[in-house]
């Protein structure tokens, strides 16, 4: 009788231990999936904004706004206009009035 109680207790403890190990592995896997695989790269905002604002009618204003957006988002869409899907942060930034901030 004592042997069977000890066996049941050890089985329960081992099941709890394996459950905790499995839960820890799941947490680590979720954290690895949530974090980016590499640190964000630094972008040369000056050169990227110069290229983005090259055809603007108000290049200084465009470069200033682009520089602010680039510093916050670490990306600038390619080309002189459009292509906002390549940089969602840049595309979603708005002014206090609700207009798009980034050129």
C-alpha atoms as a PDB file:
ATOM      1  CA  UNK A   1       0.000   0.000   0.000  1.00  0.00           C
ATOM      2  CA  UNK A   2       2.762   2.425   0.926  1.00  0.00           C
ATOM      3  CA  UNK A   3       4.652   1.499  -2.211  1.00  0.00           C
ATOM      4  CA  UNK A   4       1.648   2.271  -4.443  1.00  0.00           C
ATOM      5  CA  UNK A   5       1.088   5.661  -2.767  1.00  0.00           C
ATOM      6  CA  UNK A   6       4.733   6.539  -3.259  1.00  0.00           C
ATOM      7  CA  UNK A   7       4.538   5.420  -6.883  1.00  0.00           C
ATOM      8  CA  UNK A   8       1.415   7.510  -7.538  1.00  0.00           C
ATOM      9  CA  UNK A   9       2.965  10.537  -5.827  1.00  0.00           C
ATOM     10  CA  UNK A  10       6.158  10.249  -7.871  1.00  0.00           C
ATOM     11  CA  UNK A  11       4.156   9.870 -11.082  1.00  0.00           C
ATOM     12  CA  UNK A  12       2.132  12.989 -10.267  1.00  0.00           C
ATOM     13  CA  UNK A  13       5.266  14.963  -9.451  1.00  0.00           C
ATOM     14  CA  UNK A  14       6.939  13.879 -12.684  1.00  0.00           C
ATOM     15  CA  UNK A  15       3.838  14.837 -14.695  1.00  0.00           C
ATOM     16  CA  UNK A  16       3.796  18.270 -13.071  1.00  0.00           C
ATOM     17  CA  UNK A  17       7.510  18.664 -13.766  1.00  0.00           C
ATOM     18  CA  UNK A  18       7.107  17.730 -17.458  1.00  0.00           C
ATOM     19  CA  UNK A  19       4.147  20.082 -17.756  1.00  0.00           C
ATOM     20  CA  UNK A  20       6.200  22.971 -16.363  1.00  0.00           C
ATOM     21  CA  UNK A  21       9.088  22.205 -18.708  1.00  0.00           C
ATOM     22  CA  UNK A  22       6.728  22.134 -21.693  1.00  0.00           C
ATOM     23  CA  UNK A  23       5.098  25.431 -20.629  1.00  0.00           C
ATOM     24  CA  UNK A  24       8.535  27.039 -20.306  1.00  0.00           C
ATOM     25  CA  UNK A  25       9.461  25.880 -23.827  1.00  0.00           C
ATOM     26  CA  UNK A  26       6.219  27.357 -25.195  1.00  0.00           C
ATOM     27  CA  UNK A  27       6.887  30.684 -23.504  1.00  0.00           C
ATOM     28  CA  UNK A  28      10.410  30.805 -24.940  1.00  0.00           C
ATOM     29  CA  UNK A  29       9.095  29.952 -28.412  1.00  0.00           C
ATOM     30  CA  UNK A  30       6.471  32.718 -28.201  1.00  0.00           C
ATOM     31  CA  UNK A  31       9.064  35.249 -27.070  1.00  0.00           C
ATOM     32  CA  UNK A  32      11.362  34.278 -29.928  1.00  0.00           C
ATOM     33  CA  UNK A  33       8.515  34.669 -32.419  1.00  0.00           C
ATOM     34  CA  UNK A  34       7.510  38.065 -31.007  1.00  0.00           C
ATOM     35  CA  UNK A  35      10.971  39.612 -31.047  1.00  0.00           C
ATOM     36  CA  UNK A  36      12.617  40.591 -34.322  1.00  0.00           C
ATOM     37  CA  UNK A  37      15.345  38.212 -35.459  1.00  0.00           C
ATOM     38  CA  UNK A  38      17.881  41.026 -35.662  1.00  0.00           C
ATOM     39  CA  UNK A  39      18.221  44.516 -34.192  1.00  0.00           C
ATOM     40  CA  UNK A  40      16.827  47.326 -36.334  1.00  0.00           C
ATOM     41  CA  UNK A  41      19.403  48.715 -38.719  1.00  0.00           C
ATOM     42  CA  UNK A  42      20.368  52.357 -38.742  1.00  0.00           C
ATOM     43  CA  UNK A  43      19.375  54.202 -41.883  1.00  0.00           C
ATOM     44  CA  UNK A  44      21.016  57.285 -43.333  1.00  0.00           C
ATOM     45  CA  UNK A  45      17.951  59.534 -43.033  1.00  0.00           C
ATOM     46  CA  UNK A  46      19.629  62.487 -44.724  1.00  0.00           C
ATOM     47  CA  UNK A  47      20.384  60.615 -47.926  1.00  0.00           C
ATOM     48  CA  UNK A  48      17.065  58.751 -47.927  1.00  0.00           C
ATOM     49  CA  UNK A  49      15.070  61.963 -47.458  1.00  0.00           C
ATOM     50  CA  UNK A  50      17.136  63.799 -50.050  1.00  0.00           C
ATOM     51  CA  UNK A  51      16.181  61.107 -52.549  1.00  0.00           C
ATOM     52  CA  UNK A  52      12.548  61.063 -51.386  1.00  0.00           C
ATOM     53  CA  UNK A  53      12.156  64.856 -51.584  1.00  0.00           C
ATOM     54  CA  UNK A  54      14.188  65.391 -54.765  1.00  0.00           C
ATOM     55  CA  UNK A  55      11.180  66.422 -56.888  1.00  0.00           C
ATOM     56  CA  UNK A  56       9.231  68.236 -54.187  1.00  0.00           C
ATOM     57  CA  UNK A  57       8.060  71.803 -54.795  1.00  0.00           C
ATOM     58  CA  UNK A  58       9.058  72.603 -51.180  1.00  0.00           C
ATOM     59  CA  UNK A  59      12.189  70.490 -50.638  1.00  0.00           C
ATOM     60  CA  UNK A  60      13.221  71.972 -47.279  1.00  0.00           C
ATOM     61  CA  UNK A  61       9.788  71.355 -45.738  1.00  0.00           C
ATOM     62  CA  UNK A  62       9.700  67.884 -47.263  1.00  0.00           C
ATOM     63  CA  UNK A  63      13.154  66.987 -45.928  1.00  0.00           C
ATOM     64  CA  UNK A  64      12.290  68.231 -42.441  1.00  0.00           C
ATOM     65  CA  UNK A  65       9.089  66.169 -42.273  1.00  0.00           C
ATOM     66  CA  UNK A  66      10.774  63.173 -43.849  1.00  0.00           C
ATOM     67  CA  UNK A  67      13.670  63.407 -41.391  1.00  0.00           C
ATOM     68  CA  UNK A  68      11.301  63.366 -38.420  1.00  0.00           C
ATOM     69  CA  UNK A  69       9.443  60.362 -39.803  1.00  0.00           C
ATOM     70  CA  UNK A  70      12.664  58.558 -40.682  1.00  0.00           C
ATOM     71  CA  UNK A  71      14.107  59.084 -37.203  1.00  0.00           C
ATOM     72  CA  UNK A  72      10.993  57.612 -35.585  1.00  0.00           C
ATOM     73  CA  UNK A  73      10.421  54.748 -38.029  1.00  0.00           C
ATOM     74  CA  UNK A  74      13.969  53.934 -39.220  1.00  0.00           C
ATOM     75  CA  UNK A  75      12.686  53.587 -42.767  1.00  0.00           C
ATOM     76  CA  UNK A  76      11.768  55.713 -45.772  1.00  0.00           C
ATOM     77  CA  UNK A  77       9.722  54.364 -48.687  1.00  0.00           C
ATOM     78  CA  UNK A  78      11.624  54.141 -51.986  1.00  0.00           C
ATOM     79  CA  UNK A  79      10.971  56.617 -54.766  1.00  0.00           C
ATOM     80  CA  UNK A  80       9.805  60.212 -54.672  1.00  0.00           C
ATOM     81  CA  UNK A  81       6.173  59.436 -53.794  1.00  0.00           C
ATOM     82  CA  UNK A  82       3.900  56.517 -53.007  1.00  0.00           C
ATOM     83  CA  UNK A  83       5.277  53.075 -52.062  1.00  0.00           C
ATOM     84  CA  UNK A  84       3.984  53.592 -48.513  1.00  0.00           C
ATOM     85  CA  UNK A  85       3.247  49.883 -48.073  1.00  0.00           C
ATOM     86  CA  UNK A  86       6.974  49.241 -47.701  1.00  0.00           C
ATOM     87  CA  UNK A  87       7.090  51.287 -44.481  1.00  0.00           C
ATOM     88  CA  UNK A  88       3.866  51.042 -42.458  1.00  0.00           C
ATOM     89  CA  UNK A  89       5.086  53.261 -39.595  1.00  0.00           C
ATOM     90  CA  UNK A  90       5.965  56.009 -42.062  1.00  0.00           C
ATOM     91  CA  UNK A  91       2.578  55.693 -43.771  1.00  0.00           C
ATOM     92  CA  UNK A  92       0.502  55.716 -40.557  1.00  0.00           C
ATOM     93  CA  UNK A  93       2.052  58.772 -38.899  1.00  0.00           C
ATOM     94  CA  UNK A  94      -0.382  61.713 -38.815  1.00  0.00           C
ATOM     95  CA  UNK A  95      -0.382  65.358 -37.757  1.00  0.00           C
ATOM     96  CA  UNK A  96      -2.597  66.743 -34.993  1.00  0.00           C
ATOM     97  CA  UNK A  97      -5.119  67.641 -37.687  1.00  0.00           C
ATOM     98  CA  UNK A  98      -5.323  64.013 -38.834  1.00  0.00           C
ATOM     99  CA  UNK A  99      -3.466  64.522 -42.114  1.00  0.00           C
ATOM    100  CA  UNK A 100      -0.583  62.322 -43.192  1.00  0.00           C
ATOM    101  CA  UNK A 101       2.644  63.683 -41.711  1.00  0.00           C
ATOM    102  CA  UNK A 102       5.257  61.994 -43.846  1.00  0.00           C
ATOM    103  CA  UNK A 103       5.821  62.949 -47.499  1.00  0.00           C
END
